[in-house]
Amino acid sequence: MEERRKANRLRVLKTGRIATSDKAPKIECAVRNLSDAGACLQVHSGTFGIPREFELVMEGGQRQACRVIWRTENRLGVSFG
């Protein structure tokens, strides 16, 4: 399979939360791999209903604007920016 990512990703296991709006509850997730350009998120409750764009809040308070590139039943591939 041809690699199409712009940056190499490092395997990690960090906790995160998906924030779809200021008032909506945040969705718990695990950051499975990470680069400067994007990440793979594992969503415990499933990806159905998660919008195409959202903010990822990672442990330590780091925030990233995300856009969904691909999705499966319980994983999201996102790009930052």
PDB file of N, CA and C in Angstrom:
ATOM      1  N   MET A   1       0.837  -1.174   0.000  1.00  0.00           N
ATOM      2  CA  MET A   1       0.000   0.000   0.000  1.00  0.00           C
ATOM      3  C   MET A   1       0.887   1.243   0.000  1.00  0.00           C
ATOM      4  N   GLU A   2       0.550   2.190  -0.818  1.00  0.00           N
ATOM      5  CA  GLU A   2       1.321   3.426  -0.936  1.00  0.00           C
ATOM      6  C   GLU A   2       1.035   4.342   0.251  1.00  0.00           C
ATOM      7  N   GLU A   3       2.098   4.869   0.866  1.00  0.00           N
ATOM      8  CA  GLU A   3       1.973   5.797   1.985  1.00  0.00           C
ATOM      9  C   GLU A   3       1.646   7.189   1.450  1.00  0.00           C
ATOM     10  N   ARG A   4       0.536   7.784   1.901  1.00  0.00           N
ATOM     11  CA  ARG A   4       0.120   9.085   1.396  1.00  0.00           C
ATOM     12  C   ARG A   4       0.201  10.178   2.453  1.00  0.00           C
ATOM     13  N   ARG A   5       0.655   9.855   3.634  1.00  0.00           N
ATOM     14  CA  ARG A   5       0.745  10.857   4.690  1.00  0.00           C
ATOM     15  C   ARG A   5       1.866  11.837   4.397  1.00  0.00           C
ATOM     16  N   LYS A   6       1.675  13.089   4.819  1.00  0.00           N
ATOM     17  CA  LYS A   6       2.680  14.127   4.614  1.00  0.00           C
ATOM     18  C   LYS A   6       3.799  14.032   5.638  1.00  0.00           C
ATOM     19  N   ALA A   7       3.509  13.472   6.824  1.00  0.00           N
ATOM     20  CA  ALA A   7       4.505  13.358   7.891  1.00  0.00           C
ATOM     21  C   ALA A   7       4.393  11.978   8.530  1.00  0.00           C
ATOM     22  N   ASN A   8       5.532  11.424   8.937  1.00  0.00           N
ATOM     23  CA  ASN A   8       5.520  10.135   9.619  1.00  0.00           C
ATOM     24  C   ASN A   8       4.824  10.277  10.965  1.00  0.00           C
ATOM     25  N   ARG A   9       4.056   9.260  11.314  1.00  0.00           N
ATOM     26  CA  ARG A   9       3.359   9.271  12.595  1.00  0.00           C
ATOM     27  C   ARG A   9       4.056   8.349  13.580  1.00  0.00           C
ATOM     28  N   LEU A  10       4.043   8.756  14.831  1.00  0.00           N
ATOM     29  CA  LEU A  10       4.605   7.960  15.907  1.00  0.00           C
ATOM     30  C   LEU A  10       3.476   7.278  16.658  1.00  0.00           C
ATOM     31  N   ARG A  11       3.679   6.011  17.002  1.00  0.00           N
ATOM     32  CA  ARG A  11       2.668   5.320  17.811  1.00  0.00           C
ATOM     33  C   ARG A  11       2.677   5.892  19.220  1.00  0.00           C
ATOM     34  N   VAL A  12       1.496   6.223  19.703  1.00  0.00           N
ATOM     35  CA  VAL A  12       1.332   6.756  21.053  1.00  0.00           C
ATOM     36  C   VAL A  12       0.062   6.166  21.641  1.00  0.00           C
ATOM     37  N   LEU A  13      -0.128   6.364  22.906  1.00  0.00           N
ATOM     38  CA  LEU A  13      -1.396   6.013  23.549  1.00  0.00           C
ATOM     39  C   LEU A  13      -1.681   7.105  24.570  1.00  0.00           C
ATOM     40  N   LYS A  14      -2.398   8.118  24.113  1.00  0.00           N
ATOM     41  CA  LYS A  14      -2.746   9.260  24.949  1.00  0.00           C
ATOM     42  C   LYS A  14      -4.263   9.357  25.036  1.00  0.00           C
ATOM     43  N   THR A  15      -4.731   9.951  26.114  1.00  0.00           N
ATOM     44  CA  THR A  15      -6.168  10.189  26.221  1.00  0.00           C
ATOM     45  C   THR A  15      -6.500  11.518  25.553  1.00  0.00           C
ATOM     46  N   GLY A  16      -7.697  11.595  25.022  1.00  0.00           N
ATOM     47  CA  GLY A  16      -8.150  12.811  24.379  1.00  0.00           C
ATOM     48  C   GLY A  16      -9.651  12.931  24.486  1.00  0.00           C
ATOM     49  N   ARG A  17     -10.137  14.114  24.111  1.00  0.00           N
ATOM     50  CA  ARG A  17     -11.569  14.372  24.083  1.00  0.00           C
ATOM     51  C   ARG A  17     -11.889  15.135  22.815  1.00  0.00           C
ATOM     52  N   ILE A  18     -12.964  14.753  22.162  1.00  0.00           N
ATOM     53  CA  ILE A  18     -13.432  15.411  20.946  1.00  0.00           C
ATOM     54  C   ILE A  18     -14.484  16.434  21.346  1.00  0.00           C
ATOM     55  N   ALA A  19     -14.207  17.704  21.022  1.00  0.00           N
ATOM     56  CA  ALA A  19     -15.129  18.793  21.347  1.00  0.00           C
ATOM     57  C   ALA A  19     -15.801  19.255  20.060  1.00  0.00           C
ATOM     58  N   THR A  20     -17.102  18.995  19.956  1.00  0.00           N
ATOM     59  CA  THR A  20     -17.838  19.373  18.747  1.00  0.00           C
ATOM     60  C   THR A  20     -18.439  20.767  18.853  1.00  0.00           C
ATOM     61  N   SER A  21     -18.658  21.245  20.073  1.00  0.00           N
ATOM     62  CA  SER A  21     -19.127  22.609  20.323  1.00  0.00           C
ATOM     63  C   SER A  21     -18.853  22.932  21.791  1.00  0.00           C
ATOM     64  N   ASP A  22     -19.024  24.200  22.151  1.00  0.00           N
ATOM     65  CA  ASP A  22     -18.764  24.609  23.531  1.00  0.00           C
ATOM     66  C   ASP A  22     -19.753  23.992  24.514  1.00  0.00           C
ATOM     67  N   LYS A  23     -20.989  23.776  24.072  1.00  0.00           N
ATOM     68  CA  LYS A  23     -22.038  23.298  24.974  1.00  0.00           C
ATOM     69  C   LYS A  23     -22.223  21.782  24.968  1.00  0.00           C
ATOM     70  N   ALA A  24     -21.821  21.124  23.895  1.00  0.00           N
ATOM     71  CA  ALA A  24     -22.019  19.667  23.792  1.00  0.00           C
ATOM     72  C   ALA A  24     -21.013  18.938  24.672  1.00  0.00           C
ATOM     73  N   PRO A  25     -21.401  17.788  25.239  1.00  0.00           N
ATOM     74  CA  PRO A  25     -20.444  17.004  26.016  1.00  0.00           C
ATOM     75  C   PRO A  25     -19.296  16.530  25.125  1.00  0.00           C
ATOM     76  N   LYS A  26     -18.118  16.461  25.708  1.00  0.00           N
ATOM     77  CA  LYS A  26     -16.951  16.006  24.961  1.00  0.00           C
ATOM     78  C   LYS A  26     -16.948  14.486  24.861  1.00  0.00           C
ATOM     79  N   ILE A  27     -16.451  13.967  23.742  1.00  0.00           N
ATOM     80  CA  ILE A  27     -16.433  12.534  23.475  1.00  0.00           C
ATOM     81  C   ILE A  27     -15.041  11.995  23.778  1.00  0.00           C
ATOM     82  N   GLU A  28     -14.968  11.018  24.678  1.00  0.00           N
ATOM     83  CA  GLU A  28     -13.689  10.421  25.053  1.00  0.00           C
ATOM     84  C   GLU A  28     -13.098   9.636  23.886  1.00  0.00           C
ATOM     85  N   CYS A  29     -11.769   9.710  23.737  1.00  0.00           N
ATOM     86  CA  CYS A  29     -11.091   8.951  22.691  1.00  0.00           C
ATOM     87  C   CYS A  29      -9.661   8.647  23.140  1.00  0.00           C
ATOM     88  N   ALA A  30      -9.000   7.793  22.381  1.00  0.00           N
ATOM     89  CA  ALA A  30      -7.584   7.490  22.590  1.00  0.00           C
ATOM     90  C   ALA A  30      -6.840   7.900  21.329  1.00  0.00           C
ATOM     91  N   VAL A  31      -5.738   8.619  21.502  1.00  0.00           N
ATOM     92  CA  VAL A  31      -4.886   8.992  20.377  1.00  0.00           C
ATOM     93  C   VAL A  31      -3.930   7.829  20.165  1.00  0.00           C
ATOM     94  N   ARG A  32      -4.047   7.149  19.020  1.00  0.00           N
ATOM     95  CA  ARG A  32      -3.279   5.929  18.752  1.00  0.00           C
ATOM     96  C   ARG A  32      -1.959   6.201  18.038  1.00  0.00           C
ATOM     97  N   ASN A  33      -1.949   7.193  17.135  1.00  0.00           N
ATOM     98  CA  ASN A  33      -0.702   7.642  16.547  1.00  0.00           C
ATOM     99  C   ASN A  33      -0.823   9.126  16.256  1.00  0.00           C
ATOM    100  N   LEU A  34       0.340   9.789  16.120  1.00  0.00           N
ATOM    101  CA  LEU A  34       0.350  11.242  16.112  1.00  0.00           C
ATOM    102  C   LEU A  34       1.516  11.760  15.288  1.00  0.00           C
ATOM    103  N   SER A  35       1.282  12.841  14.548  1.00  0.00           N
ATOM    104  CA  SER A  35       2.350  13.565  13.854  1.00  0.00           C
ATOM    105  C   SER A  35       2.022  15.047  13.923  1.00  0.00           C
ATOM    106  N   ASP A  36       2.876  15.860  13.333  1.00  0.00           N
ATOM    107  CA  ASP A  36       2.591  17.291  13.282  1.00  0.00           C
ATOM    108  C   ASP A  36       1.389  17.582  12.389  1.00  0.00           C
ATOM    109  N   ALA A  37       1.087  16.677  11.459  1.00  0.00           N
ATOM    110  CA  ALA A  37       0.029  16.910  10.477  1.00  0.00           C
ATOM    111  C   ALA A  37      -1.310  16.270  10.827  1.00  0.00           C
ATOM    112  N   GLY A  38      -1.335  15.250  11.721  1.00  0.00           N
ATOM    113  CA  GLY A  38      -2.598  14.576  12.008  1.00  0.00           C
ATOM    114  C   GLY A  38      -2.455  13.472  13.019  1.00  0.00           C
ATOM    115  N   ALA A  39      -3.524  12.663  13.135  1.00  0.00           N
ATOM    116  CA  ALA A  39      -3.551  11.602  14.141  1.00  0.00           C
ATOM    117  C   ALA A  39      -4.584  10.546  13.774  1.00  0.00           C
ATOM    118  N   CYS A  40      -4.483   9.421  14.455  1.00  0.00           N
ATOM    119  CA  CYS A  40      -5.510   8.385  14.403  1.00  0.00           C
ATOM    120  C   CYS A  40      -6.143   8.326  15.787  1.00  0.00           C
ATOM    121  N   LEU A  41      -7.457   8.455  15.837  1.00  0.00           N
ATOM    122  CA  LEU A  41      -8.192   8.456  17.099  1.00  0.00           C
ATOM    123  C   LEU A  41      -9.073   7.229  17.195  1.00  0.00           C
ATOM    124  N   GLN A  42      -9.037   6.570  18.334  1.00  0.00           N
ATOM    125  CA  GLN A  42      -9.943   5.453  18.596  1.00  0.00           C
ATOM    126  C   GLN A  42     -11.045   5.974  19.501  1.00  0.00           C
ATOM    127  N   VAL A  43     -12.288   5.879  19.020  1.00  0.00           N
ATOM    128  CA  VAL A  43     -13.443   6.417  19.742  1.00  0.00           C
ATOM    129  C   VAL A  43     -14.202   5.244  20.355  1.00  0.00           C
ATOM    130  N   HIS A  44     -14.249   5.203  21.671  1.00  0.00           N
ATOM    131  CA  HIS A  44     -14.840   4.071  22.384  1.00  0.00           C
ATOM    132  C   HIS A  44     -16.331   3.931  22.122  1.00  0.00           C
ATOM    133  N   SER A  45     -17.023   5.050  21.945  1.00  0.00           N
ATOM    134  CA  SER A  45     -18.474   5.002  21.757  1.00  0.00           C
ATOM    135  C   SER A  45     -18.882   4.939  20.286  1.00  0.00           C
ATOM    136  N   GLY A  46     -17.917   4.877  19.380  1.00  0.00           N
ATOM    137  CA  GLY A  46     -18.216   4.822  17.948  1.00  0.00           C
ATOM    138  C   GLY A  46     -18.135   6.193  17.304  1.00  0.00           C
ATOM    139  N   THR A  47     -17.937   6.209  15.991  1.00  0.00           N
ATOM    140  CA  THR A  47     -17.724   7.467  15.269  1.00  0.00           C
ATOM    141  C   THR A  47     -18.995   8.050  14.667  1.00  0.00           C
ATOM    142  N   PHE A  48     -20.102   7.308  14.723  1.00  0.00           N
ATOM    143  CA  PHE A  48     -21.352   7.802  14.154  1.00  0.00           C
ATOM    144  C   PHE A  48     -21.759   9.104  14.836  1.00  0.00           C
ATOM    145  N   GLY A  49     -22.060  10.115  14.059  1.00  0.00           N
ATOM    146  CA  GLY A  49     -22.516  11.390  14.596  1.00  0.00           C
ATOM    147  C   GLY A  49     -21.412  12.399  14.864  1.00  0.00           C
ATOM    148  N   ILE A  50     -20.158  11.995  14.763  1.00  0.00           N
ATOM    149  CA  ILE A  50     -19.065  12.943  14.953  1.00  0.00           C
ATOM    150  C   ILE A  50     -18.927  13.751  13.663  1.00  0.00           C
ATOM    151  N   PRO A  51     -18.963  15.085  13.764  1.00  0.00           N
ATOM    152  CA  PRO A  51     -18.919  15.908  12.543  1.00  0.00           C
ATOM    153  C   PRO A  51     -17.560  15.844  11.854  1.00  0.00           C
ATOM    154  N   ARG A  52     -17.520  16.345  10.654  1.00  0.00           N
ATOM    155  CA  ARG A  52     -16.295  16.331   9.845  1.00  0.00           C
ATOM    156  C   ARG A  52     -15.197  17.208  10.452  1.00  0.00           C
ATOM    157  N   GLU A  53     -15.569  18.256  11.157  1.00  0.00           N
ATOM    158  CA  GLU A  53     -14.596  19.147  11.789  1.00  0.00           C
ATOM    159  C   GLU A  53     -14.915  19.287  13.269  1.00  0.00           C
ATOM    160  N   PHE A  54     -13.874  19.266  14.102  1.00  0.00           N
ATOM    161  CA  PHE A  54     -14.025  19.388  15.548  1.00  0.00           C
ATOM    162  C   PHE A  54     -12.681  19.782  16.149  1.00  0.00           C
ATOM    163  N   GLU A  55     -12.666  19.971  17.453  1.00  0.00           N
ATOM    164  CA  GLU A  55     -11.429  20.279  18.161  1.00  0.00           C
ATOM    165  C   GLU A  55     -11.061  19.085  19.033  1.00  0.00           C
ATOM    166  N   LEU A  56      -9.794  18.682  18.975  1.00  0.00           N
ATOM    167  CA  LEU A  56      -9.276  17.602  19.805  1.00  0.00           C
ATOM    168  C   LEU A  56      -8.555  18.221  20.989  1.00  0.00           C
ATOM    169  N   VAL A  57      -8.937  17.811  22.197  1.00  0.00           N
ATOM    170  CA  VAL A  57      -8.280  18.269  23.414  1.00  0.00           C
ATOM    171  C   VAL A  57      -7.508  17.073  23.970  1.00  0.00           C
ATOM    172  N   MET A  58      -6.176  17.181  23.961  1.00  0.00           N
ATOM    173  CA  MET A  58      -5.334  16.076  24.436  1.00  0.00           C
ATOM    174  C   MET A  58      -4.906  16.314  25.873  1.00  0.00           C
ATOM    175  N   GLU A  59      -4.422  15.238  26.508  1.00  0.00           N
ATOM    176  CA  GLU A  59      -3.957  15.360  27.881  1.00  0.00           C
ATOM    177  C   GLU A  59      -2.908  16.462  27.952  1.00  0.00           C
ATOM    178  N   GLY A  60      -2.939  17.219  29.017  1.00  0.00           N
ATOM    179  CA  GLY A  60      -2.058  18.371  29.154  1.00  0.00           C
ATOM    180  C   GLY A  60      -2.673  19.652  28.630  1.00  0.00           C
ATOM    181  N   GLY A  61      -3.884  19.560  28.050  1.00  0.00           N
ATOM    182  CA  GLY A  61      -4.591  20.741  27.589  1.00  0.00           C
ATOM    183  C   GLY A  61      -4.286  21.174  26.172  1.00  0.00           C
ATOM    184  N   GLN A  62      -3.408  20.438  25.466  1.00  0.00           N
ATOM    185  CA  GLN A  62      -3.101  20.795  24.074  1.00  0.00           C
ATOM    186  C   GLN A  62      -4.360  20.648  23.224  1.00  0.00           C
ATOM    187  N   ARG A  63      -4.620  21.640  22.369  1.00  0.00           N
ATOM    188  CA  ARG A  63      -5.816  21.651  21.511  1.00  0.00           C
ATOM    189  C   ARG A  63      -5.397  21.706  20.055  1.00  0.00           C
ATOM    190  N   GLN A  64      -6.134  20.956  19.219  1.00  0.00           N
ATOM    191  CA  GLN A  64      -5.880  20.934  17.781  1.00  0.00           C
ATOM    192  C   GLN A  64      -7.208  20.961  17.035  1.00  0.00           C
ATOM    193  N   ALA A  65      -7.311  21.840  16.055  1.00  0.00           N
ATOM    194  CA  ALA A  65      -8.459  21.805  15.148  1.00  0.00           C
ATOM    195  C   ALA A  65      -8.258  20.607  14.227  1.00  0.00           C
ATOM    196  N   CYS A  66      -9.303  19.798  14.026  1.00  0.00           N
ATOM    197  CA  CYS A  66      -9.200  18.560  13.247  1.00  0.00           C
ATOM    198  C   CYS A  66     -10.230  18.528  12.130  1.00  0.00           C
ATOM    199  N   ARG A  67      -9.843  17.862  11.057  1.00  0.00           N
ATOM    200  CA  ARG A  67     -10.755  17.571   9.949  1.00  0.00           C
ATOM    201  C   ARG A  67     -10.645  16.086   9.666  1.00  0.00           C
ATOM    202  N   VAL A  68     -11.778  15.393   9.609  1.00  0.00           N
ATOM    203  CA  VAL A  68     -11.798  13.944   9.390  1.00  0.00           C
ATOM    204  C   VAL A  68     -11.424  13.640   7.941  1.00  0.00           C
ATOM    205  N   ILE A  69     -10.433  12.757   7.771  1.00  0.00           N
ATOM    206  CA  ILE A  69      -9.987  12.319   6.453  1.00  0.00           C
ATOM    207  C   ILE A  69     -10.609  10.966   6.117  1.00  0.00           C
ATOM    208  N   TRP A  70     -10.664  10.086   7.102  1.00  0.00           N
ATOM    209  CA  TRP A  70     -11.301   8.781   6.933  1.00  0.00           C
ATOM    210  C   TRP A  70     -11.908   8.360   8.256  1.00  0.00           C
ATOM    211  N   ARG A  71     -12.849   7.419   8.200  1.00  0.00           N
ATOM    212  CA  ARG A  71     -13.467   6.908   9.425  1.00  0.00           C
ATOM    213  C   ARG A  71     -13.867   5.456   9.253  1.00  0.00           C
ATOM    214  N   THR A  72     -13.824   4.718  10.343  1.00  0.00           N
ATOM    215  CA  THR A  72     -14.373   3.374  10.431  1.00  0.00           C
ATOM    216  C   THR A  72     -15.375   3.402  11.585  1.00  0.00           C
ATOM    217  N   GLU A  73     -15.843   2.242  11.980  1.00  0.00           N
ATOM    218  CA  GLU A  73     -16.832   2.172  13.060  1.00  0.00           C
ATOM    219  C   GLU A  73     -16.320   2.775  14.367  1.00  0.00           C
ATOM    220  N   ASN A  74     -15.014   2.590  14.671  1.00  0.00           N
ATOM    221  CA  ASN A  74     -14.506   3.104  15.943  1.00  0.00           C
ATOM    222  C   ASN A  74     -13.179   3.864  15.837  1.00  0.00           C
ATOM    223  N   ARG A  75     -12.760   4.229  14.616  1.00  0.00           N
ATOM    224  CA  ARG A  75     -11.528   5.001  14.446  1.00  0.00           C
ATOM    225  C   ARG A  75     -11.734   6.149  13.474  1.00  0.00           C
ATOM    226  N   LEU A  76     -10.969   7.224  13.720  1.00  0.00           N
ATOM    227  CA  LEU A  76     -10.958   8.385  12.839  1.00  0.00           C
ATOM    228  C   LEU A  76      -9.523   8.707  12.451  1.00  0.00           C
ATOM    229  N   GLY A  77      -9.293   8.982  11.184  1.00  0.00           N
ATOM    230  CA  GLY A  77      -8.025   9.548  10.745  1.00  0.00           C
ATOM    231  C   GLY A  77      -8.265  11.026  10.517  1.00  0.00           C
ATOM    232  N   VAL A  78      -7.503  11.890  11.212  1.00  0.00           N
ATOM    233  CA  VAL A  78      -7.731  13.321  11.126  1.00  0.00           C
ATOM    234  C   VAL A  78      -6.468  14.055  10.696  1.00  0.00           C
ATOM    235  N   SER A  79      -6.669  15.196  10.040  1.00  0.00           N
ATOM    236  CA  SER A  79      -5.567  16.103   9.746  1.00  0.00           C
ATOM    237  C   SER A  79      -5.762  17.332  10.629  1.00  0.00           C
ATOM    238  N   PHE A  80      -4.662  17.947  11.019  1.00  0.00           N
ATOM    239  CA  PHE A  80      -4.709  19.136  11.866  1.00  0.00           C
ATOM    240  C   PHE A  80      -4.730  20.389  11.001  1.00  0.00           C
ATOM    241  N   GLY A  81      -5.410  21.386  11.528  1.00  0.00           N
ATOM    242  CA  GLY A  81      -5.364  22.670  10.840  1.00  0.00           C
ATOM    243  C   GLY A  81      -6.694  23.255  10.528  1.00  0.00           C
TER     244      GLY A  81
END
